[in-house]
PDB file of N, CA and C in Angstrom:
ATOM      1  N   MET A   1      28.748 -89.117 -89.867  1.00  0.00           N
ATOM      2  CA  MET A   1      28.854 -88.725 -88.485  1.00  0.00           C
ATOM      3  C   MET A   1      27.505 -88.280 -87.913  1.00  0.00           C
ATOM      4  N   PHE A   2      26.662 -87.641 -88.727  1.00  0.00           N
ATOM      5  CA  PHE A   2      25.396 -87.103 -88.235  1.00  0.00           C
ATOM      6  C   PHE A   2      24.189 -87.912 -88.691  1.00  0.00           C
ATOM      7  N   GLY A   3      24.382 -88.991 -89.446  1.00  0.00           N
ATOM      8  CA  GLY A   3      23.273 -89.769 -89.958  1.00  0.00           C
ATOM      9  C   GLY A   3      22.905 -89.354 -91.372  1.00  0.00           C
ATOM     10  N   GLN A   4      21.864 -89.963 -91.912  1.00  0.00           N
ATOM     11  CA  GLN A   4      21.471 -89.716 -93.299  1.00  0.00           C
ATOM     12  C   GLN A   4      20.814 -88.354 -93.506  1.00  0.00           C
ATOM     13  N   LYS A   5      19.944 -87.936 -92.587  1.00  0.00           N
ATOM     14  CA  LYS A   5      19.215 -86.677 -92.763  1.00  0.00           C
ATOM     15  C   LYS A   5      19.178 -85.876 -91.460  1.00  0.00           C
ATOM     16  N   PRO A   6      20.337 -85.382 -91.030  1.00  0.00           N
ATOM     17  CA  PRO A   6      20.313 -84.553 -89.829  1.00  0.00           C
ATOM     18  C   PRO A   6      19.623 -83.222 -90.124  1.00  0.00           C
ATOM     19  N   ARG A   7      19.103 -82.595 -89.075  1.00  0.00           N
ATOM     20  CA  ARG A   7      18.467 -81.285 -89.223  1.00  0.00           C
ATOM     21  C   ARG A   7      19.088 -80.343 -88.217  1.00  0.00           C
ATOM     22  N   GLY A   8      19.095 -79.063 -88.553  1.00  0.00           N
ATOM     23  CA  GLY A   8      19.672 -78.143 -87.596  1.00  0.00           C
ATOM     24  C   GLY A   8      19.419 -76.703 -87.926  1.00  0.00           C
ATOM     25  N   LEU A   9      20.015 -75.858 -87.099  1.00  0.00           N
ATOM     26  CA  LEU A   9      19.889 -74.422 -87.252  1.00  0.00           C
ATOM     27  C   LEU A   9      21.217 -73.789 -86.875  1.00  0.00           C
ATOM     28  N   LEU A  10      21.697 -72.903 -87.734  1.00  0.00           N
ATOM     29  CA  LEU A  10      22.937 -72.180 -87.510  1.00  0.00           C
ATOM     30  C   LEU A  10      22.637 -70.700 -87.661  1.00  0.00           C
ATOM     31  N   MET A  11      22.993 -69.916 -86.645  1.00  0.00           N
ATOM     32  CA  MET A  11      22.733 -68.480 -86.710  1.00  0.00           C
ATOM     33  C   MET A  11      23.990 -67.709 -86.328  1.00  0.00           C
ATOM     34  N   TYR A  12      24.330 -66.743 -87.167  1.00  0.00           N
ATOM     35  CA  TYR A  12      25.375 -65.769 -86.883  1.00  0.00           C
ATOM     36  C   TYR A  12      24.686 -64.419 -86.786  1.00  0.00           C
ATOM     37  N   ASP A  13      25.046 -63.602 -85.785  1.00  0.00           N
ATOM     38  CA  ASP A  13      24.455 -62.265 -85.749  1.00  0.00           C
ATOM     39  C   ASP A  13      25.520 -61.200 -85.994  1.00  0.00           C
ATOM     40  N   ALA A  14      25.076 -59.980 -86.195  1.00  0.00           N
ATOM     41  CA  ALA A  14      25.965 -58.870 -86.556  1.00  0.00           C
ATOM     42  C   ALA A  14      26.885 -58.460 -85.405  1.00  0.00           C
ATOM     43  N   LYS A  15      26.589 -58.878 -84.189  1.00  0.00           N
ATOM     44  CA  LYS A  15      27.418 -58.523 -83.037  1.00  0.00           C
ATOM     45  C   LYS A  15      28.514 -59.554 -82.763  1.00  0.00           C
ATOM     46  N   GLY A  16      28.580 -60.606 -83.594  1.00  0.00           N
ATOM     47  CA  GLY A  16      29.647 -61.590 -83.448  1.00  0.00           C
ATOM     48  C   GLY A  16      29.301 -62.827 -82.643  1.00  0.00           C
ATOM     49  N   TYR A  17      28.007 -63.123 -82.512  1.00  0.00           N
ATOM     50  CA  TYR A  17      27.595 -64.318 -81.779  1.00  0.00           C
ATOM     51  C   TYR A  17      27.121 -65.402 -82.744  1.00  0.00           C
ATOM     52  N   VAL A  18      27.372 -66.659 -82.369  1.00  0.00           N
ATOM     53  CA  VAL A  18      26.964 -67.814 -83.156  1.00  0.00           C
ATOM     54  C   VAL A  18      26.175 -68.774 -82.263  1.00  0.00           C
ATOM     55  N   SER A  19      25.198 -69.442 -82.845  1.00  0.00           N
ATOM     56  CA  SER A  19      24.450 -70.499 -82.176  1.00  0.00           C
ATOM     57  C   SER A  19      24.203 -71.603 -83.196  1.00  0.00           C
ATOM     58  N   MET A  20      24.524 -72.844 -82.824  1.00  0.00           N
ATOM     59  CA  MET A  20      24.373 -73.977 -83.733  1.00  0.00           C
ATOM     60  C   MET A  20      23.708 -75.138 -83.006  1.00  0.00           C
ATOM     61  N   GLN A  21      22.706 -75.731 -83.641  1.00  0.00           N
ATOM     62  CA  GLN A  21      22.053 -76.930 -83.113  1.00  0.00           C
ATOM     63  C   GLN A  21      21.906 -77.933 -84.245  1.00  0.00           C
ATOM     64  N   ILE A  22      22.255 -79.193 -83.964  1.00  0.00           N
ATOM     65  CA  ILE A  22      22.071 -80.257 -84.952  1.00  0.00           C
ATOM     66  C   ILE A  22      21.359 -81.416 -84.277  1.00  0.00           C
ATOM     67  N   GLU A  23      20.238 -81.838 -84.876  1.00  0.00           N
ATOM     68  CA  GLU A  23      19.519 -83.026 -84.441  1.00  0.00           C
ATOM     69  C   GLU A  23      20.006 -84.179 -85.314  1.00  0.00           C
ATOM     70  N   LEU A  24      20.644 -85.146 -84.700  1.00  0.00           N
ATOM     71  CA  LEU A  24      21.227 -86.262 -85.443  1.00  0.00           C
ATOM     72  C   LEU A  24      20.143 -87.225 -85.903  1.00  0.00           C
ATOM     73  N   ASP A  25      20.431 -87.960 -86.959  1.00  0.00           N
ATOM     74  CA  ASP A  25      19.478 -88.910 -87.525  1.00  0.00           C
ATOM     75  C   ASP A  25      20.023 -90.324 -87.354  1.00  0.00           C
ATOM     76  N   GLY A  26      19.653 -90.973 -86.259  1.00  0.00           N
ATOM     77  CA  GLY A  26      20.071 -92.351 -86.033  1.00  0.00           C
ATOM     78  C   GLY A  26      21.491 -92.491 -85.519  1.00  0.00           C
ATOM     79  N   LYS A  27      22.147 -91.406 -85.186  1.00  0.00           N
ATOM     80  CA  LYS A  27      23.520 -91.429 -84.678  1.00  0.00           C
ATOM     81  C   LYS A  27      23.551 -90.767 -83.314  1.00  0.00           C
ATOM     82  N   THR A  28      24.643 -90.954 -82.596  1.00  0.00           N
ATOM     83  CA  THR A  28      24.849 -90.240 -81.351  1.00  0.00           C
ATOM     84  C   THR A  28      26.273 -89.705 -81.301  1.00  0.00           C
ATOM     85  N   ILE A  29      26.438 -88.617 -80.600  1.00  0.00           N
ATOM     86  CA  ILE A  29      27.755 -88.051 -80.317  1.00  0.00           C
ATOM     87  C   ILE A  29      27.857 -87.980 -78.801  1.00  0.00           C
ATOM     88  N   ASP A  30      28.846 -88.653 -78.258  1.00  0.00           N
ATOM     89  CA  ASP A  30      29.018 -88.705 -76.803  1.00  0.00           C
ATOM     90  C   ASP A  30      27.731 -89.168 -76.125  1.00  0.00           C
ATOM     91  N   GLY A  31      27.000 -90.103 -76.766  1.00  0.00           N
ATOM     92  CA  GLY A  31      25.778 -90.663 -76.204  1.00  0.00           C
ATOM     93  C   GLY A  31      24.543 -89.799 -76.354  1.00  0.00           C
ATOM     94  N   MET A  32      24.658 -88.663 -77.051  1.00  0.00           N
ATOM     95  CA  MET A  32      23.519 -87.753 -77.209  1.00  0.00           C
ATOM     96  C   MET A  32      23.036 -87.749 -78.658  1.00  0.00           C
ATOM     97  N   SER A  33      21.733 -87.514 -78.836  1.00  0.00           N
ATOM     98  CA  SER A  33      21.167 -87.488 -80.194  1.00  0.00           C
ATOM     99  C   SER A  33      21.135 -86.088 -80.786  1.00  0.00           C
ATOM    100  N   ASN A  34      21.747 -85.127 -80.091  1.00  0.00           N
ATOM    101  CA  ASN A  34      21.853 -83.783 -80.648  1.00  0.00           C
ATOM    102  C   ASN A  34      23.199 -83.191 -80.257  1.00  0.00           C
ATOM    103  N   TRP A  35      23.602 -82.169 -81.002  1.00  0.00           N
ATOM    104  CA  TRP A  35      24.857 -81.472 -80.734  1.00  0.00           C
ATOM    105  C   TRP A  35      24.584 -79.995 -80.903  1.00  0.00           C
ATOM    106  N   SER A  36      24.981 -79.213 -79.932  1.00  0.00           N
ATOM    107  CA  SER A  36      24.803 -77.769 -80.053  1.00  0.00           C
ATOM    108  C   SER A  36      25.940 -77.045 -79.349  1.00  0.00           C
ATOM    109  N   HIS A  37      26.208 -75.846 -79.852  1.00  0.00           N
ATOM    110  CA  HIS A  37      27.125 -74.960 -79.142  1.00  0.00           C
ATOM    111  C   HIS A  37      26.783 -73.512 -79.459  1.00  0.00           C
ATOM    112  N   PHE A  38      27.302 -72.615 -78.604  1.00  0.00           N
ATOM    113  CA  PHE A  38      27.092 -71.184 -78.806  1.00  0.00           C
ATOM    114  C   PHE A  38      28.323 -70.443 -78.316  1.00  0.00           C
ATOM    115  N   GLY A  39      28.446 -69.210 -78.773  1.00  0.00           N
ATOM    116  CA  GLY A  39      29.568 -68.388 -78.344  1.00  0.00           C
ATOM    117  C   GLY A  39      29.792 -67.243 -79.311  1.00  0.00           C
ATOM    118  N   LYS A  40      31.035 -66.833 -79.441  1.00  0.00           N
ATOM    119  CA  LYS A  40      31.423 -65.745 -80.330  1.00  0.00           C
ATOM    120  C   LYS A  40      32.052 -66.339 -81.591  1.00  0.00           C
ATOM    121  N   TYR A  41      32.086 -65.546 -82.654  1.00  0.00           N
ATOM    122  CA  TYR A  41      32.756 -65.994 -83.881  1.00  0.00           C
ATOM    123  C   TYR A  41      33.572 -64.864 -84.479  1.00  0.00           C
ATOM    124  N   LYS A  42      34.591 -65.247 -85.250  1.00  0.00           N
ATOM    125  CA  LYS A  42      35.408 -64.297 -86.003  1.00  0.00           C
ATOM    126  C   LYS A  42      35.629 -64.866 -87.391  1.00  0.00           C
ATOM    127  N   VAL A  43      35.464 -64.013 -88.396  1.00  0.00           N
ATOM    128  CA  VAL A  43      35.658 -64.405 -89.789  1.00  0.00           C
ATOM    129  C   VAL A  43      37.015 -63.894 -90.262  1.00  0.00           C
ATOM    130  N   ASP A  44      37.754 -64.745 -90.962  1.00  0.00           N
ATOM    131  CA  ASP A  44      39.002 -64.351 -91.627  1.00  0.00           C
ATOM    132  C   ASP A  44      38.754 -64.466 -93.123  1.00  0.00           C
ATOM    133  N   PRO A  45      38.336 -63.365 -93.789  1.00  0.00           N
ATOM    134  CA  PRO A  45      38.005 -63.456 -95.207  1.00  0.00           C
ATOM    135  C   PRO A  45      39.203 -63.808 -96.079  1.00  0.00           C
ATOM    136  N   ASP A  46      40.408 -63.379 -95.692  1.00  0.00           N
ATOM    137  CA  ASP A  46      41.595 -63.706 -96.484  1.00  0.00           C
ATOM    138  C   ASP A  46      41.921 -65.201 -96.413  1.00  0.00           C
ATOM    139  N   GLY A  47      41.724 -65.792 -95.241  1.00  0.00           N
ATOM    140  CA  GLY A  47      42.005 -67.220 -95.071  1.00  0.00           C
ATOM    141  C   GLY A  47      40.823 -68.106 -95.405  1.00  0.00           C
ATOM    142  N   GLY A  48      39.630 -67.492 -95.604  1.00  0.00           N
ATOM    143  CA  GLY A  48      38.437 -68.279 -95.917  1.00  0.00           C
ATOM    144  C   GLY A  48      37.992 -69.147 -94.752  1.00  0.00           C
ATOM    145  N   THR A  49      38.144 -68.611 -93.514  1.00  0.00           N
ATOM    146  CA  THR A  49      37.786 -69.394 -92.338  1.00  0.00           C
ATOM    147  C   THR A  49      36.890 -68.591 -91.404  1.00  0.00           C
ATOM    148  N   VAL A  50      36.219 -69.310 -90.538  1.00  0.00           N
ATOM    149  CA  VAL A  50      35.497 -68.727 -89.413  1.00  0.00           C
ATOM    150  C   VAL A  50      35.909 -69.543 -88.184  1.00  0.00           C
ATOM    151  N   THR A  51      36.124 -68.841 -87.081  1.00  0.00           N
ATOM    152  CA  THR A  51      36.473 -69.501 -85.824  1.00  0.00           C
ATOM    153  C   THR A  51      35.338 -69.300 -84.832  1.00  0.00           C
ATOM    154  N   HIS A  52      34.855 -70.404 -84.273  1.00  0.00           N
ATOM    155  CA  HIS A  52      33.852 -70.345 -83.210  1.00  0.00           C
ATOM    156  C   HIS A  52      34.586 -70.438 -81.876  1.00  0.00           C
ATOM    157  N   GLU A  53      34.385 -69.455 -81.009  1.00  0.00           N
ATOM    158  CA  GLU A  53      34.886 -69.499 -79.635  1.00  0.00           C
ATOM    159  C   GLU A  53      33.730 -70.035 -78.800  1.00  0.00           C
ATOM    160  N   ILE A  54      33.862 -71.259 -78.326  1.00  0.00           N
ATOM    161  CA  ILE A  54      32.742 -71.976 -77.714  1.00  0.00           C
ATOM    162  C   ILE A  54      32.536 -71.534 -76.268  1.00  0.00           C
ATOM    163  N   GLY A  55      31.410 -70.867 -76.035  1.00  0.00           N
ATOM    164  CA  GLY A  55      31.055 -70.468 -74.676  1.00  0.00           C
ATOM    165  C   GLY A  55      30.338 -71.580 -73.939  1.00  0.00           C
ATOM    166  N   GLY A  56      29.511 -72.324 -74.654  1.00  0.00           N
ATOM    167  CA  GLY A  56      28.780 -73.444 -74.079  1.00  0.00           C
ATOM    168  C   GLY A  56      28.493 -74.477 -75.146  1.00  0.00           C
ATOM    169  N   SER A  57      28.423 -75.743 -74.739  1.00  0.00           N
ATOM    170  CA  SER A  57      28.226 -76.830 -75.695  1.00  0.00           C
ATOM    171  C   SER A  57      27.631 -78.041 -75.000  1.00  0.00           C
ATOM    172  N   THR A  58      26.917 -78.868 -75.766  1.00  0.00           N
ATOM    173  CA  THR A  58      26.467 -80.147 -75.238  1.00  0.00           C
ATOM    174  C   THR A  58      27.642 -81.113 -75.082  1.00  0.00           C
ATOM    175  N   ARG A  59      28.746 -80.814 -75.745  1.00  0.00           N
ATOM    176  CA  ARG A  59      29.961 -81.630 -75.632  1.00  0.00           C
ATOM    177  C   ARG A  59      30.913 -80.943 -74.662  1.00  0.00           C
ATOM    178  N   GLN A  60      31.096 -81.537 -73.506  1.00  0.00           N
ATOM    179  CA  GLN A  60      31.886 -80.921 -72.451  1.00  0.00           C
ATOM    180  C   GLN A  60      33.291 -80.551 -72.915  1.00  0.00           C
ATOM    181  N   ARG A  61      33.918 -81.382 -73.729  1.00  0.00           N
ATOM    182  CA  ARG A  61      35.303 -81.118 -74.151  1.00  0.00           C
ATOM    183  C   ARG A  61      35.426 -79.885 -75.054  1.00  0.00           C
ATOM    184  N   GLU A  62      34.321 -79.417 -75.643  1.00  0.00           N
ATOM    185  CA  GLU A  62      34.355 -78.219 -76.495  1.00  0.00           C
ATOM    186  C   GLU A  62      34.293 -76.923 -75.695  1.00  0.00           C
ATOM    187  N   ARG A  63      33.719 -76.979 -74.506  1.00  0.00           N
ATOM    188  CA  ARG A  63      33.459 -75.768 -73.720  1.00  0.00           C
ATOM    189  C   ARG A  63      34.754 -75.009 -73.439  1.00  0.00           C
ATOM    190  N   GLY A  64      34.736 -73.717 -73.784  1.00  0.00           N
ATOM    191  CA  GLY A  64      35.904 -72.874 -73.579  1.00  0.00           C
ATOM    192  C   GLY A  64      36.950 -72.994 -74.674  1.00  0.00           C
ATOM    193  N   GLY A  65      36.682 -73.823 -75.686  1.00  0.00           N
ATOM    194  CA  GLY A  65      37.644 -74.042 -76.769  1.00  0.00           C
ATOM    195  C   GLY A  65      37.287 -73.275 -78.024  1.00  0.00           C
ATOM    196  N   PHE A  66      37.997 -73.602 -79.075  1.00  0.00           N
ATOM    197  CA  PHE A  66      37.821 -72.957 -80.372  1.00  0.00           C
ATOM    198  C   PHE A  66      37.642 -74.022 -81.448  1.00  0.00           C
ATOM    199  N   VAL A  67      36.840 -73.708 -82.466  1.00  0.00           N
ATOM    200  CA  VAL A  67      36.680 -74.575 -83.630  1.00  0.00           C
ATOM    201  C   VAL A  67      36.981 -73.736 -84.864  1.00  0.00           C
ATOM    202  N   LEU A  68      38.000 -74.132 -85.640  1.00  0.00           N
ATOM    203  CA  LEU A  68      38.350 -73.453 -86.887  1.00  0.00           C
ATOM    204  C   LEU A  68      37.663 -74.181 -88.029  1.00  0.00           C
ATOM    205  N   LEU A  69      36.919 -73.435 -88.846  1.00  0.00           N
ATOM    206  CA  LEU A  69      36.148 -74.002 -89.947  1.00  0.00           C
ATOM    207  C   LEU A  69      36.500 -73.289 -91.245  1.00  0.00           C
ATOM    208  N   PHE A  70      36.671 -74.050 -92.308  1.00  0.00           N
ATOM    209  CA  PHE A  70      36.877 -73.473 -93.636  1.00  0.00           C
ATOM    210  C   PHE A  70      35.504 -73.166 -94.223  1.00  0.00           C
ATOM    211  N   VAL A  71      35.369 -72.032 -94.903  1.00  0.00           N
ATOM    212  CA  VAL A  71      34.069 -71.543 -95.335  1.00  0.00           C
ATOM    213  C   VAL A  71      34.006 -71.419 -96.848  1.00  0.00           C
ATOM    214  N   THR A  72      32.894 -71.892 -97.434  1.00  0.00           N
ATOM    215  CA  THR A  72      32.561 -71.571 -98.816  1.00  0.00           C
ATOM    216  C   THR A  72      31.090 -71.159 -98.839  1.00  0.00           C
ATOM    217  N   LEU A  73      30.786 -70.166 -99.642  1.00  0.00           N
ATOM    218  CA  LEU A  73      29.423 -69.683 -99.770  1.00  0.00           C
ATOM    219  C   LEU A  73      29.058 -69.713-101.238  1.00  0.00           C
ATOM    220  N   ASP A  74      27.971 -70.420-101.560  1.00  0.00           N
ATOM    221  CA  ASP A  74      27.500 -70.550-102.932  1.00  0.00           C
ATOM    222  C   ASP A  74      25.996 -70.279-102.932  1.00  0.00           C
ATOM    223  N   GLY A  75      25.621 -69.059-103.272  1.00  0.00           N
ATOM    224  CA  GLY A  75      24.203 -68.693-103.225  1.00  0.00           C
ATOM    225  C   GLY A  75      23.698 -68.745-101.803  1.00  0.00           C
ATOM    226  N   LYS A  76      22.696 -69.585-101.549  1.00  0.00           N
ATOM    227  CA  LYS A  76      22.128 -69.728-100.211  1.00  0.00           C
ATOM    228  C   LYS A  76      22.796 -70.843 -99.411  1.00  0.00           C
ATOM    229  N   ARG A  77      23.790 -71.505 -99.988  1.00  0.00           N
ATOM    230  CA  ARG A  77      24.431 -72.644 -99.317  1.00  0.00           C
ATOM    231  C   ARG A  77      25.769 -72.238 -98.711  1.00  0.00           C
ATOM    232  N   LEU A  78      25.870 -72.430 -97.396  1.00  0.00           N
ATOM    233  CA  LEU A  78      27.095 -72.190 -96.649  1.00  0.00           C
ATOM    234  C   LEU A  78      27.666 -73.548 -96.266  1.00  0.00           C
ATOM    235  N   THR A  79      28.905 -73.795 -96.651  1.00  0.00           N
ATOM    236  CA  THR A  79      29.553 -75.057 -96.289  1.00  0.00           C
ATOM    237  C   THR A  79      30.708 -74.748 -95.354  1.00  0.00           C
ATOM    238  N   LEU A  80      30.712 -75.436 -94.219  1.00  0.00           N
ATOM    239  CA  LEU A  80      31.763 -75.299 -93.230  1.00  0.00           C
ATOM    240  C   LEU A  80      32.550 -76.607 -93.205  1.00  0.00           C
ATOM    241  N   GLY A  81      33.848 -76.503 -93.422  1.00  0.00           N
ATOM    242  CA  GLY A  81      34.701 -77.684 -93.438  1.00  0.00           C
ATOM    243  C   GLY A  81      35.535 -77.772 -92.184  1.00  0.00           C
ATOM    244  N   LEU A  82      35.500 -78.925 -91.552  1.00  0.00           N
ATOM    245  CA  LEU A  82      36.313 -79.173 -90.374  1.00  0.00           C
ATOM    246  C   LEU A  82      37.722 -79.559 -90.798  1.00  0.00           C
ATOM    247  N   LEU A  83      38.680 -79.377 -89.926  1.00  0.00           N
ATOM    248  CA  LEU A  83      40.041 -79.804 -90.219  1.00  0.00           C
ATOM    249  C   LEU A  83      40.064 -81.305 -90.457  1.00  0.00           C
ATOM    250  N   PRO A  84      40.974 -81.797 -91.314  1.00  0.00           N
ATOM    251  CA  PRO A  84      41.066 -83.249 -91.541  1.00  0.00           C
ATOM    252  C   PRO A  84      41.258 -83.990 -90.219  1.00  0.00           C
ATOM    253  N   ASP A  85      40.669 -85.172 -90.130  1.00  0.00           N
ATOM    254  CA  ASP A  85      40.694 -85.975 -88.909  1.00  0.00           C
ATOM    255  C   ASP A  85      41.014 -87.414 -89.284  1.00  0.00           C
ATOM    256  N   GLN A  86      41.719 -88.109 -88.421  1.00  0.00           N
ATOM    257  CA  GLN A  86      42.017 -89.519 -88.682  1.00  0.00           C
ATOM    258  C   GLN A  86      41.000 -90.371 -87.942  1.00  0.00           C
ATOM    259  N   VAL A  87      40.273 -91.199 -88.700  1.00  0.00           N
ATOM    260  CA  VAL A  87      39.250 -92.082 -88.150  1.00  0.00           C
ATOM    261  C   VAL A  87      39.526 -93.485 -88.662  1.00  0.00           C
ATOM    262  N   ASP A  88      39.703 -94.432 -87.748  1.00  0.00           N
ATOM    263  CA  ASP A  88      39.974 -95.830 -88.122  1.00  0.00           C
ATOM    264  C   ASP A  88      41.126 -95.936 -89.109  1.00  0.00           C
ATOM    265  N   GLY A  89      42.173 -95.154 -88.887  1.00  0.00           N
ATOM    266  CA  GLY A  89      43.357 -95.217 -89.738  1.00  0.00           C
ATOM    267  C   GLY A  89      43.245 -94.492 -91.062  1.00  0.00           C
ATOM    268  N   GLU A  90      42.122 -93.820 -91.325  1.00  0.00           N
ATOM    269  CA  GLU A  90      41.922 -93.085 -92.571  1.00  0.00           C
ATOM    270  C   GLU A  90      41.794 -91.599 -92.286  1.00  0.00           C
ATOM    271  N   ILE A  91      42.345 -90.782 -93.172  1.00  0.00           N
ATOM    272  CA  ILE A  91      42.167 -89.340 -93.070  1.00  0.00           C
ATOM    273  C   ILE A  91      40.812 -88.992 -93.684  1.00  0.00           C
ATOM    274  N   ARG A  92      39.982 -88.297 -92.924  1.00  0.00           N
ATOM    275  CA  ARG A  92      38.648 -87.922 -93.407  1.00  0.00           C
ATOM    276  C   ARG A  92      38.468 -86.417 -93.374  1.00  0.00           C
ATOM    277  N   LEU A  93      37.821 -85.929 -94.408  1.00  0.00           N
ATOM    278  CA  LEU A  93      37.430 -84.523 -94.467  1.00  0.00           C
ATOM    279  C   LEU A  93      35.939 -84.462 -94.191  1.00  0.00           C
ATOM    280  N   ARG A  94      35.541 -83.658 -93.230  1.00  0.00           N
ATOM    281  CA  ARG A  94      34.128 -83.559 -92.865  1.00  0.00           C
ATOM    282  C   ARG A  94      33.627 -82.151 -93.139  1.00  0.00           C
ATOM    283  N   THR A  95      32.423 -82.062 -93.662  1.00  0.00           N
ATOM    284  CA  THR A  95      31.820 -80.765 -93.931  1.00  0.00           C
ATOM    285  C   THR A  95      30.400 -80.723 -93.386  1.00  0.00           C
ATOM    286  N   LEU A  96      29.963 -79.528 -93.079  1.00  0.00           N
ATOM    287  CA  LEU A  96      28.584 -79.266 -92.694  1.00  0.00           C
ATOM    288  C   LEU A  96      28.028 -78.282 -93.710  1.00  0.00           C
ATOM    289  N   ALA A  97      26.972 -78.647 -94.399  1.00  0.00           N
ATOM    290  CA  ALA A  97      26.346 -77.767 -95.398  1.00  0.00           C
ATOM    291  C   ALA A  97      25.048 -77.231 -94.822  1.00  0.00           C
ATOM    292  N   TRP A  98      24.888 -75.933 -94.901  1.00  0.00           N
ATOM    293  CA  TRP A  98      23.710 -75.245 -94.386  1.00  0.00           C
ATOM    294  C   TRP A  98      23.057 -74.467 -95.513  1.00  0.00           C
ATOM    295  N   GLU A  99      21.751 -74.464 -95.551  1.00  0.00           N
ATOM    296  CA  GLU A  99      21.012 -73.713 -96.567  1.00  0.00           C
ATOM    297  C   GLU A  99      20.234 -72.582 -95.906  1.00  0.00           C
ATOM    298  N   ARG A 100      20.403 -71.387 -96.436  1.00  0.00           N
ATOM    299  CA  ARG A 100      19.716 -70.218 -95.864  1.00  0.00           C
ATOM    300  C   ARG A 100      18.214 -70.302 -96.124  1.00  0.00           C
ATOM    301  N   ILE A 101      17.453 -70.019 -95.085  1.00  0.00           N
ATOM    302  CA  ILE A 101      16.006 -69.925 -95.243  1.00  0.00           C
ATOM    303  C   ILE A 101      15.606 -68.472 -95.054  1.00  0.00           C
ATOM    304  N   ASP A 102      14.654 -68.031 -95.827  1.00  0.00           N
ATOM    305  CA  ASP A 102      14.220 -66.637 -95.740  1.00  0.00           C
ATOM    306  C   ASP A 102      12.964 -66.510 -94.931  1.00  0.00           C
TER     307      ASP A 102
END
């Protein structure tokens, strides 16, 4: 979905705000070569999820909506899993892996 080597930045702050930017590699989403959104977030540690409440996005259909993501943390690697989606008649599981930089 994002190409072979997408690059990006994901930031969560202590006050509950999130900002995400992804520069796509040879792909487009809604005709754009990047995808970003910002807003508030809530973590459900018992359910292993984080919900992004989208305040603004490069994707108009996301604005004002919510994105539920499954979370795993392994050392410096944070993996966010999107809900299963049907693409071309197949069920696909999509994940975004982020590595912490110091």
